[in-house]
PDB file of N, CA and C in Angstrom:
ATOM      1  N   MET A   1      -0.852  -7.527   1.711  1.00  0.00           N
ATOM      2  CA  MET A   1      -0.873  -7.421   3.148  1.00  0.00           C
ATOM      3  C   MET A   1      -2.165  -6.769   3.636  1.00  0.00           C
ATOM      4  N   LEU A   2      -2.597  -5.747   2.931  1.00  0.00           N
ATOM      5  CA  LEU A   2      -3.808  -5.045   3.355  1.00  0.00           C
ATOM      6  C   LEU A   2      -5.041  -5.921   3.180  1.00  0.00           C
ATOM      7  N   VAL A   3      -5.114  -6.636   2.069  1.00  0.00           N
ATOM      8  CA  VAL A   3      -6.267  -7.506   1.827  1.00  0.00           C
ATOM      9  C   VAL A   3      -6.288  -8.637   2.848  1.00  0.00           C
ATOM     10  N   SER A   4      -5.130  -9.204   3.175  1.00  0.00           N
ATOM     11  CA  SER A   4      -5.103 -10.260   4.190  1.00  0.00           C
ATOM     12  C   SER A   4      -5.488  -9.706   5.566  1.00  0.00           C
ATOM     13  N   HIS A   5      -5.164  -8.455   5.826  1.00  0.00           N
ATOM     14  CA  HIS A   5      -5.590  -7.843   7.094  1.00  0.00           C
ATOM     15  C   HIS A   5      -7.105  -7.633   7.112  1.00  0.00           C
ATOM     16  N   TYR A   6      -7.672  -7.288   5.972  1.00  0.00           N
ATOM     17  CA  TYR A   6      -9.133  -7.194   5.892  1.00  0.00           C
ATOM     18  C   TYR A   6      -9.774  -8.544   6.182  1.00  0.00           C
ATOM     19  N   ARG A   7      -9.192  -9.610   5.631  1.00  0.00           N
ATOM     20  CA  ARG A   7      -9.707 -10.953   5.918  1.00  0.00           C
ATOM     21  C   ARG A   7      -9.618 -11.251   7.401  1.00  0.00           C
ATOM     22  N   HIS A   8      -8.515 -10.867   8.037  1.00  0.00           N
ATOM     23  CA  HIS A   8      -8.356 -11.090   9.474  1.00  0.00           C
ATOM     24  C   HIS A   8      -9.416 -10.325  10.262  1.00  0.00           C
ATOM     25  N   LEU A   9      -9.650  -9.086   9.873  1.00  0.00           N
ATOM     26  CA  LEU A   9     -10.651  -8.279  10.585  1.00  0.00           C
ATOM     27  C   LEU A   9     -12.042  -8.890  10.483  1.00  0.00           C
ATOM     28  N   THR A  10     -12.390  -9.413   9.321  1.00  0.00           N
ATOM     29  CA  THR A  10     -13.743  -9.952   9.148  1.00  0.00           C
ATOM     30  C   THR A  10     -13.876 -11.369   9.664  1.00  0.00           C
ATOM     31  N   GLU A  11     -12.871 -12.220   9.458  1.00  0.00           N
ATOM     32  CA  GLU A  11     -13.000 -13.624   9.830  1.00  0.00           C
ATOM     33  C   GLU A  11     -12.617 -13.905  11.275  1.00  0.00           C
ATOM     34  N   VAL A  12     -11.566 -13.269  11.760  1.00  0.00           N
ATOM     35  CA  VAL A  12     -11.085 -13.567  13.109  1.00  0.00           C
ATOM     36  C   VAL A  12     -11.684 -12.616  14.139  1.00  0.00           C
ATOM     37  N   GLU A  13     -11.651 -11.320  13.846  1.00  0.00           N
ATOM     38  CA  GLU A  13     -12.133 -10.349  14.819  1.00  0.00           C
ATOM     39  C   GLU A  13     -13.627 -10.107  14.729  1.00  0.00           C
ATOM     40  N   GLY A  14     -14.288 -10.616  13.696  1.00  0.00           N
ATOM     41  CA  GLY A  14     -15.740 -10.562  13.612  1.00  0.00           C
ATOM     42  C   GLY A  14     -16.342  -9.258  13.148  1.00  0.00           C
ATOM     43  N   HIS A  15     -15.566  -8.387  12.530  1.00  0.00           N
ATOM     44  CA  HIS A  15     -16.119  -7.147  11.997  1.00  0.00           C
ATOM     45  C   HIS A  15     -16.940  -7.459  10.748  1.00  0.00           C
ATOM     46  N   SER A  16     -18.014  -6.737  10.552  1.00  0.00           N
ATOM     47  CA  SER A  16     -18.753  -6.875   9.297  1.00  0.00           C
ATOM     48  C   SER A  16     -18.062  -6.004   8.254  1.00  0.00           C
ATOM     49  N   TRP A  17     -18.097  -6.444   6.995  1.00  0.00           N
ATOM     50  CA  TRP A  17     -17.395  -5.710   5.938  1.00  0.00           C
ATOM     51  C   TRP A  17     -18.162  -4.451   5.581  1.00  0.00           C
ATOM     52  N   SER A  18     -17.531  -3.306   5.756  1.00  0.00           N
ATOM     53  CA  SER A  18     -18.134  -2.012   5.449  1.00  0.00           C
ATOM     54  C   SER A  18     -17.013  -1.015   5.190  1.00  0.00           C
ATOM     55  N   LEU A  19     -17.406   0.193   4.854  1.00  0.00           N
ATOM     56  CA  LEU A  19     -16.423   1.255   4.655  1.00  0.00           C
ATOM     57  C   LEU A  19     -15.661   1.534   5.950  1.00  0.00           C
ATOM     58  N   LYS A  20     -16.351   1.405   7.072  1.00  0.00           N
ATOM     59  CA  LYS A  20     -15.712   1.616   8.375  1.00  0.00           C
ATOM     60  C   LYS A  20     -14.612   0.577   8.613  1.00  0.00           C
ATOM     61  N   THR A  21     -14.865  -0.680   8.253  1.00  0.00           N
ATOM     62  CA  THR A  21     -13.864  -1.734   8.397  1.00  0.00           C
ATOM     63  C   THR A  21     -12.700  -1.507   7.444  1.00  0.00           C
ATOM     64  N   ALA A  22     -12.984  -1.051   6.225  1.00  0.00           N
ATOM     65  CA  ALA A  22     -11.917  -0.750   5.264  1.00  0.00           C
ATOM     66  C   ALA A  22     -11.030   0.369   5.790  1.00  0.00           C
ATOM     67  N   LYS A  23     -11.640   1.382   6.380  1.00  0.00           N
ATOM     68  CA  LYS A  23     -10.868   2.492   6.944  1.00  0.00           C
ATOM     69  C   LYS A  23     -10.051   2.027   8.152  1.00  0.00           C
ATOM     70  N   LEU A  24     -10.635   1.198   9.000  1.00  0.00           N
ATOM     71  CA  LEU A  24      -9.941   0.671  10.165  1.00  0.00           C
ATOM     72  C   LEU A  24      -8.724  -0.150   9.752  1.00  0.00           C
ATOM     73  N   GLY A  25      -8.895  -1.014   8.760  1.00  0.00           N
ATOM     74  CA  GLY A  25      -7.777  -1.828   8.290  1.00  0.00           C
ATOM     75  C   GLY A  25      -6.663  -0.995   7.700  1.00  0.00           C
ATOM     76  N   ALA A  26      -7.019   0.034   6.928  1.00  0.00           N
ATOM     77  CA  ALA A  26      -6.001   0.914   6.349  1.00  0.00           C
ATOM     78  C   ALA A  26      -5.278   1.693   7.442  1.00  0.00           C
ATOM     79  N   GLU A  27      -6.004   2.133   8.459  1.00  0.00           N
ATOM     80  CA  GLU A  27      -5.374   2.858   9.566  1.00  0.00           C
ATOM     81  C   GLU A  27      -4.428   1.958  10.351  1.00  0.00           C
ATOM     82  N   GLN A  28      -4.812   0.690  10.539  1.00  0.00           N
ATOM     83  CA  GLN A  28      -3.960  -0.214  11.299  1.00  0.00           C
ATOM     84  C   GLN A  28      -2.708  -0.613  10.526  1.00  0.00           C
ATOM     85  N   ARG A  29      -2.775  -0.647   9.223  1.00  0.00           N
ATOM     86  CA  ARG A  29      -1.618  -0.998   8.390  1.00  0.00           C
ATOM     87  C   ARG A  29      -0.813   0.222   7.946  1.00  0.00           C
ATOM     88  N   LEU A  30      -1.275   1.412   8.276  1.00  0.00           N
ATOM     89  CA  LEU A  30      -0.593   2.644   7.868  1.00  0.00           C
ATOM     90  C   LEU A  30       0.875   2.686   8.288  1.00  0.00           C
ATOM     91  N   PRO A  31       1.230   2.410   9.544  1.00  0.00           N
ATOM     92  CA  PRO A  31       2.647   2.500   9.919  1.00  0.00           C
ATOM     93  C   PRO A  31       3.548   1.555   9.126  1.00  0.00           C
ATOM     94  N   SER A  32       3.130   0.323   8.934  1.00  0.00           N
ATOM     95  CA  SER A  32       3.996  -0.620   8.216  1.00  0.00           C
ATOM     96  C   SER A  32       4.129  -0.253   6.742  1.00  0.00           C
ATOM     97  N   ILE A  33       3.070   0.215   6.127  1.00  0.00           N
ATOM     98  CA  ILE A  33       3.132   0.609   4.716  1.00  0.00           C
ATOM     99  C   ILE A  33       4.011   1.845   4.548  1.00  0.00           C
ATOM    100  N   LEU A  34       3.832   2.837   5.404  1.00  0.00           N
ATOM    101  CA  LEU A  34       4.628   4.059   5.310  1.00  0.00           C
ATOM    102  C   LEU A  34       6.105   3.816   5.620  1.00  0.00           C
ATOM    103  N   MET A  35       6.397   2.994   6.618  1.00  0.00           N
ATOM    104  CA  MET A  35       7.789   2.744   6.974  1.00  0.00           C
ATOM    105  C   MET A  35       8.517   1.991   5.865  1.00  0.00           C
ATOM    106  N   THR A  36       7.839   1.041   5.240  1.00  0.00           N
ATOM    107  CA  THR A  36       8.464   0.310   4.139  1.00  0.00           C
ATOM    108  C   THR A  36       8.807   1.246   2.984  1.00  0.00           C
ATOM    109  N   ALA A  37       7.866   2.082   2.607  1.00  0.00           N
ATOM    110  CA  ALA A  37       8.102   3.018   1.508  1.00  0.00           C
ATOM    111  C   ALA A  37       9.137   4.070   1.888  1.00  0.00           C
ATOM    112  N   LEU A  38       9.082   4.570   3.107  1.00  0.00           N
ATOM    113  CA  LEU A  38      10.003   5.612   3.542  1.00  0.00           C
ATOM    114  C   LEU A  38      11.448   5.121   3.600  1.00  0.00           C
ATOM    115  N   VAL A  39      11.664   3.934   4.133  1.00  0.00           N
ATOM    116  CA  VAL A  39      13.023   3.400   4.231  1.00  0.00           C
ATOM    117  C   VAL A  39      13.604   3.166   2.837  1.00  0.00           C
ATOM    118  N   THR A  40      12.796   2.623   1.942  1.00  0.00           N
ATOM    119  CA  THR A  40      13.275   2.393   0.578  1.00  0.00           C
ATOM    120  C   THR A  40      13.578   3.718  -0.125  1.00  0.00           C
ATOM    121  N   ALA A  41      12.685   4.694   0.025  1.00  0.00           N
ATOM    122  CA  ALA A  41      12.909   5.999  -0.611  1.00  0.00           C
ATOM    123  C   ALA A  41      14.138   6.695  -0.044  1.00  0.00           C
ATOM    124  N   LEU A  42      14.347   6.597   1.256  1.00  0.00           N
ATOM    125  CA  LEU A  42      15.532   7.222   1.857  1.00  0.00           C
ATOM    126  C   LEU A  42      16.819   6.549   1.394  1.00  0.00           C
ATOM    127  N   ALA A  43      16.777   5.265   1.139  1.00  0.00           N
ATOM    128  CA  ALA A  43      17.960   4.568   0.640  1.00  0.00           C
ATOM    129  C   ALA A  43      18.280   4.988  -0.794  1.00  0.00           C
ATOM    130  N   LEU A  44      17.269   5.294  -1.585  1.00  0.00           N
ATOM    131  CA  LEU A  44      17.473   5.668  -2.982  1.00  0.00           C
ATOM    132  C   LEU A  44      17.669   7.168  -3.186  1.00  0.00           C
ATOM    133  N   LEU A  45      17.348   7.961  -2.196  1.00  0.00           N
ATOM    134  CA  LEU A  45      17.423   9.413  -2.342  1.00  0.00           C
ATOM    135  C   LEU A  45      18.831   9.924  -2.680  1.00  0.00           C
ATOM    136  N   PRO A  46      19.891   9.464  -2.035  1.00  0.00           N
ATOM    137  CA  PRO A  46      21.222   9.953  -2.423  1.00  0.00           C
ATOM    138  C   PRO A  46      21.581   9.623  -3.871  1.00  0.00           C
ATOM    139  N   ILE A  47      21.149   8.483  -4.344  1.00  0.00           N
ATOM    140  CA  ILE A  47      21.425   8.118  -5.736  1.00  0.00           C
ATOM    141  C   ILE A  47      20.654   9.030  -6.682  1.00  0.00           C
ATOM    142  N   ALA A  48      19.406   9.334  -6.348  1.00  0.00           N
ATOM    143  CA  ALA A  48      18.580  10.177  -7.211  1.00  0.00           C
ATOM    144  C   ALA A  48      19.079  11.621  -7.229  1.00  0.00           C
ATOM    145  N   ILE A  49      19.556  12.114  -6.101  1.00  0.00           N
ATOM    146  CA  ILE A  49      20.011  13.505  -6.027  1.00  0.00           C
ATOM    147  C   ILE A  49      21.376  13.677  -6.677  1.00  0.00           C
ATOM    148  N   ASP A  50      22.274  12.748  -6.451  1.00  0.00           N
ATOM    149  CA  ASP A  50      23.653  12.874  -6.924  1.00  0.00           C
ATOM    150  C   ASP A  50      23.857  12.085  -8.216  1.00  0.00           C
ATOM    151  N   SER A  51      22.960  12.276  -9.169  1.00  0.00           N
ATOM    152  CA  SER A  51      23.008  11.473 -10.392  1.00  0.00           C
ATOM    153  C   SER A  51      23.870  12.084 -11.489  1.00  0.00           C
ATOM    154  N   ASP A  52      24.462  13.245 -11.253  1.00  0.00           N
ATOM    155  CA  ASP A  52      25.265  13.866 -12.308  1.00  0.00           C
ATOM    156  C   ASP A  52      26.733  13.440 -12.270  1.00  0.00           C
ATOM    157  N   ASN A  53      27.097  12.601 -11.322  1.00  0.00           N
ATOM    158  CA  ASN A  53      28.465  12.088 -11.264  1.00  0.00           C
ATOM    159  C   ASN A  53      28.686  11.021 -12.330  1.00  0.00           C
ATOM    160  N   PRO A  54      29.922  10.899 -12.809  1.00  0.00           N
ATOM    161  CA  PRO A  54      30.204   9.862 -13.808  1.00  0.00           C
ATOM    162  C   PRO A  54      29.909   8.464 -13.266  1.00  0.00           C
ATOM    163  N   GLY A  55      29.282   7.660 -14.088  1.00  0.00           N
ATOM    164  CA  GLY A  55      28.926   6.301 -13.700  1.00  0.00           C
ATOM    165  C   GLY A  55      27.540   6.164 -13.129  1.00  0.00           C
ATOM    166  N   ARG A  56      26.887   7.274 -12.876  1.00  0.00           N
ATOM    167  CA  ARG A  56      25.535   7.239 -12.309  1.00  0.00           C
ATOM    168  C   ARG A  56      24.490   7.775 -13.284  1.00  0.00           C
ATOM    169  N   GLU A  57      24.813   7.766 -14.557  1.00  0.00           N
ATOM    170  CA  GLU A  57      23.887   8.319 -15.545  1.00  0.00           C
ATOM    171  C   GLU A  57      22.599   7.511 -15.635  1.00  0.00           C
ATOM    172  N   ILE A  58      22.679   6.239 -15.340  1.00  0.00           N
ATOM    173  CA  ILE A  58      21.494   5.377 -15.417  1.00  0.00           C
ATOM    174  C   ILE A  58      20.861   5.187 -14.045  1.00  0.00           C
ATOM    175  N   MET A  59      21.709   5.059 -13.012  1.00  0.00           N
ATOM    176  CA  MET A  59      21.184   4.811 -11.666  1.00  0.00           C
ATOM    177  C   MET A  59      20.351   5.977 -11.134  1.00  0.00           C
ATOM    178  N   GLY A  60      20.754   7.205 -11.423  1.00  0.00           N
ATOM    179  CA  GLY A  60      20.037   8.375 -10.902  1.00  0.00           C
ATOM    180  C   GLY A  60      18.613   8.473 -11.404  1.00  0.00           C
ATOM    181  N   PRO A  61      18.393   8.472 -12.714  1.00  0.00           N
ATOM    182  CA  PRO A  61      17.019   8.517 -13.199  1.00  0.00           C
ATOM    183  C   PRO A  61      16.184   7.301 -12.784  1.00  0.00           C
ATOM    184  N   MET A  62      16.846   6.131 -12.727  1.00  0.00           N
ATOM    185  CA  MET A  62      16.113   4.940 -12.301  1.00  0.00           C
ATOM    186  C   MET A  62      15.683   5.067 -10.837  1.00  0.00           C
ATOM    187  N   ALA A  63      16.536   5.603  -9.987  1.00  0.00           N
ATOM    188  CA  ALA A  63      16.182   5.812  -8.586  1.00  0.00           C
ATOM    189  C   ALA A  63      15.041   6.813  -8.458  1.00  0.00           C
ATOM    190  N   ALA A  64      15.050   7.855  -9.291  1.00  0.00           N
ATOM    191  CA  ALA A  64      13.964   8.839  -9.261  1.00  0.00           C
ATOM    192  C   ALA A  64      12.634   8.199  -9.663  1.00  0.00           C
ATOM    193  N   VAL A  65      12.676   7.334 -10.654  1.00  0.00           N
ATOM    194  CA  VAL A  65      11.457   6.647 -11.085  1.00  0.00           C
ATOM    195  C   VAL A  65      10.953   5.711  -9.998  1.00  0.00           C
ATOM    196  N   ILE A  66      11.871   5.009  -9.341  1.00  0.00           N
ATOM    197  CA  ILE A  66      11.472   4.102  -8.261  1.00  0.00           C
ATOM    198  C   ILE A  66      10.860   4.880  -7.104  1.00  0.00           C
ATOM    199  N   ILE A  67      11.431   6.023  -6.756  1.00  0.00           N
ATOM    200  CA  ILE A  67      10.868   6.846  -5.676  1.00  0.00           C
ATOM    201  C   ILE A  67       9.472   7.342  -6.055  1.00  0.00           C
ATOM    202  N   GLY A  68       9.297   7.761  -7.304  1.00  0.00           N
ATOM    203  CA  GLY A  68       7.966   8.166  -7.756  1.00  0.00           C
ATOM    204  C   GLY A  68       6.968   7.018  -7.698  1.00  0.00           C
ATOM    205  N   GLY A  69       7.422   5.828  -8.060  1.00  0.00           N
ATOM    206  CA  GLY A  69       6.558   4.654  -7.967  1.00  0.00           C
ATOM    207  C   GLY A  69       6.197   4.311  -6.535  1.00  0.00           C
ATOM    208  N   LEU A  70       7.140   4.484  -5.627  1.00  0.00           N
ATOM    209  CA  LEU A  70       6.853   4.249  -4.211  1.00  0.00           C
ATOM    210  C   LEU A  70       5.787   5.214  -3.690  1.00  0.00           C
ATOM    211  N   ILE A  71       5.912   6.466  -4.086  1.00  0.00           N
ATOM    212  CA  ILE A  71       4.927   7.466  -3.640  1.00  0.00           C
ATOM    213  C   ILE A  71       3.548   7.147  -4.202  1.00  0.00           C
ATOM    214  N   SER A  72       3.473   6.871  -5.495  1.00  0.00           N
ATOM    215  CA  SER A  72       2.165   6.602  -6.096  1.00  0.00           C
ATOM    216  C   SER A  72       1.568   5.294  -5.587  1.00  0.00           C
ATOM    217  N   SER A  73       2.386   4.254  -5.423  1.00  0.00           N
ATOM    218  CA  SER A  73       1.832   2.984  -4.940  1.00  0.00           C
ATOM    219  C   SER A  73       1.383   3.082  -3.482  1.00  0.00           C
ATOM    220  N   THR A  74       2.086   3.873  -2.678  1.00  0.00           N
ATOM    221  CA  THR A  74       1.668   4.069  -1.290  1.00  0.00           C
ATOM    222  C   THR A  74       0.325   4.785  -1.231  1.00  0.00           C
ATOM    223  N   LEU A  75       0.175   5.830  -2.032  1.00  0.00           N
ATOM    224  CA  LEU A  75      -1.107   6.543  -2.063  1.00  0.00           C
ATOM    225  C   LEU A  75      -2.233   5.657  -2.583  1.00  0.00           C
ATOM    226  N   LEU A  76      -1.947   4.898  -3.619  1.00  0.00           N
ATOM    227  CA  LEU A  76      -2.972   4.000  -4.153  1.00  0.00           C
ATOM    228  C   LEU A  76      -3.354   2.929  -3.144  1.00  0.00           C
ATOM    229  N   THR A  77      -2.379   2.387  -2.430  1.00  0.00           N
ATOM    230  CA  THR A  77      -2.658   1.347  -1.444  1.00  0.00           C
ATOM    231  C   THR A  77      -3.480   1.881  -0.279  1.00  0.00           C
ATOM    232  N   LEU A  78      -3.189   3.095   0.152  1.00  0.00           N
ATOM    233  CA  LEU A  78      -3.862   3.627   1.337  1.00  0.00           C
ATOM    234  C   LEU A  78      -5.173   4.347   1.034  1.00  0.00           C
ATOM    235  N   LEU A  79      -5.352   4.836  -0.184  1.00  0.00           N
ATOM    236  CA  LEU A  79      -6.546   5.605  -0.498  1.00  0.00           C
ATOM    237  C   LEU A  79      -7.481   4.897  -1.487  1.00  0.00           C
ATOM    238  N   VAL A  80      -6.931   4.434  -2.593  1.00  0.00           N
ATOM    239  CA  VAL A  80      -7.777   3.884  -3.656  1.00  0.00           C
ATOM    240  C   VAL A  80      -8.207   2.456  -3.363  1.00  0.00           C
ATOM    241  N   LEU A  81      -7.267   1.600  -2.936  1.00  0.00           N
ATOM    242  CA  LEU A  81      -7.593   0.194  -2.697  1.00  0.00           C
ATOM    243  C   LEU A  81      -8.707   0.011  -1.662  1.00  0.00           C
ATOM    244  N   PRO A  82      -8.650   0.661  -0.488  1.00  0.00           N
ATOM    245  CA  PRO A  82      -9.757   0.497   0.459  1.00  0.00           C
ATOM    246  C   PRO A  82     -11.088   1.002  -0.098  1.00  0.00           C
ATOM    247  N   THR A  83     -11.056   2.078  -0.864  1.00  0.00           N
ATOM    248  CA  THR A  83     -12.291   2.615  -1.438  1.00  0.00           C
ATOM    249  C   THR A  83     -12.885   1.660  -2.458  1.00  0.00           C
ATOM    250  N   VAL A  84     -12.050   1.116  -3.331  1.00  0.00           N
ATOM    251  CA  VAL A  84     -12.537   0.187  -4.354  1.00  0.00           C
ATOM    252  C   VAL A  84     -13.057  -1.089  -3.707  1.00  0.00           C
ATOM    253  N   LEU A  85     -12.328  -1.627  -2.736  1.00  0.00           N
ATOM    254  CA  LEU A  85     -12.786  -2.838  -2.069  1.00  0.00           C
ATOM    255  C   LEU A  85     -14.054  -2.603  -1.266  1.00  0.00           C
ATOM    256  N   ALA A  86     -14.188  -1.442  -0.647  1.00  0.00           N
ATOM    257  CA  ALA A  86     -15.398  -1.147   0.107  1.00  0.00           C
ATOM    258  C   ALA A  86     -16.607  -1.035  -0.814  1.00  0.00           C
ATOM    259  N   ARG A  87     -16.386  -0.552  -2.025  1.00  0.00           N
ATOM    260  CA  ARG A  87     -17.497  -0.363  -2.963  1.00  0.00           C
ATOM    261  C   ARG A  87     -17.860  -1.636  -3.721  1.00  0.00           C
ATOM    262  N   TYR A  88     -16.854  -2.351  -4.233  1.00  0.00           N
ATOM    263  CA  TYR A  88     -17.132  -3.443  -5.162  1.00  0.00           C
ATOM    264  C   TYR A  88     -16.930  -4.844  -4.599  1.00  0.00           C
ATOM    265  N   GLY A  89     -16.422  -4.978  -3.416  1.00  0.00           N
ATOM    266  CA  GLY A  89     -16.183  -6.305  -2.874  1.00  0.00           C
ATOM    267  C   GLY A  89     -16.650  -6.410  -1.445  1.00  0.00           C
ATOM    268  N   HIS A  90     -16.634  -7.614  -0.959  1.00  0.00           N
ATOM    269  CA  HIS A  90     -16.910  -7.822   0.454  1.00  0.00           C
ATOM    270  C   HIS A  90     -16.219  -9.095   0.914  1.00  0.00           C
ATOM    271  N   PHE A  91     -16.022  -9.195   2.190  1.00  0.00           N
ATOM    272  CA  PHE A  91     -15.382 -10.343   2.800  1.00  0.00           C
ATOM    273  C   PHE A  91     -16.423 -11.026   3.649  1.00  0.00           C
ATOM    274  N   GLY A  92     -16.390 -12.337   3.647  1.00  0.00           N
ATOM    275  CA  GLY A  92     -17.370 -13.081   4.424  1.00  0.00           C
ATOM    276  C   GLY A  92     -16.707 -14.043   5.374  1.00  0.00           C
ATOM    277  N   GLN A  93     -17.482 -14.601   6.264  1.00  0.00           N
ATOM    278  CA  GLN A  93     -16.979 -15.561   7.233  1.00  0.00           C
ATOM    279  C   GLN A  93     -16.534 -16.834   6.529  1.00  0.00           C
ATOM    280  N   GLY A  94     -15.246 -17.159   6.619  1.00  0.00           N
ATOM    281  CA  GLY A  94     -14.736 -18.423   6.136  1.00  0.00           C
ATOM    282  C   GLY A  94     -14.534 -18.541   4.637  1.00  0.00           C
ATOM    283  N   ASN A  95     -14.970 -17.577   3.841  1.00  0.00           N
ATOM    284  CA  ASN A  95     -14.815 -17.742   2.397  1.00  0.00           C
ATOM    285  C   ASN A  95     -13.912 -16.688   1.775  1.00  0.00           C
ATOM    286  N   GLY A  96     -13.257 -15.850   2.563  1.00  0.00           N
ATOM    287  CA  GLY A  96     -12.305 -14.900   2.029  1.00  0.00           C
ATOM    288  C   GLY A  96     -12.964 -13.784   1.231  1.00  0.00           C
ATOM    289  N   PHE A  97     -12.215 -13.253   0.277  1.00  0.00           N
ATOM    290  CA  PHE A  97     -12.666 -12.129  -0.533  1.00  0.00           C
ATOM    291  C   PHE A  97     -13.626 -12.621  -1.593  1.00  0.00           C
ATOM    292  N   ILE A  98     -14.737 -11.918  -1.712  1.00  0.00           N
ATOM    293  CA  ILE A  98     -15.718 -12.194  -2.754  1.00  0.00           C
ATOM    294  C   ILE A  98     -15.722 -10.988  -3.667  1.00  0.00           C
ATOM    295  N   GLY A  99     -15.453 -11.198  -4.941  1.00  0.00           N
ATOM    296  CA  GLY A  99     -15.210 -10.113  -5.895  1.00  0.00           C
ATOM    297  C   GLY A  99     -16.284  -9.065  -5.992  1.00  0.00           C
ATOM    298  N   SER A 100     -17.515  -9.436  -6.141  1.00  0.00           N
ATOM    299  CA  SER A 100     -18.568  -8.436  -6.281  1.00  0.00           C
ATOM    300  C   SER A 100     -19.816  -8.914  -5.570  1.00  0.00           C
ATOM    301  N   ARG A 101     -20.684  -7.994  -5.338  1.00  0.00           N
ATOM    302  CA  ARG A 101     -21.899  -8.321  -4.581  1.00  0.00           C
ATOM    303  C   ARG A 101     -23.003  -8.829  -5.460  1.00  0.00           C
TER     304      ARG A 101
END
């Protein structure tokens, strides 16, 4: 979703690809990324907390791992991905993502 938004910013809205555009795209996608992760984590939180009940020996630890994955993937999507794309890639008019310069 974030990469397709970068394509939209460069191809449709006419922004040139730079660190500023990467930051703008991440800021514009921040609410949707955070809400998706937050809703999923809130749904799994009762399972992760109440995992000592009989029958939840597997679901509790699995929910904790999924919540940890949500946190790490959200941070990676919002912090690392824009930085890596700003450094090693660029988007051009009509040709989408170009891997390296």
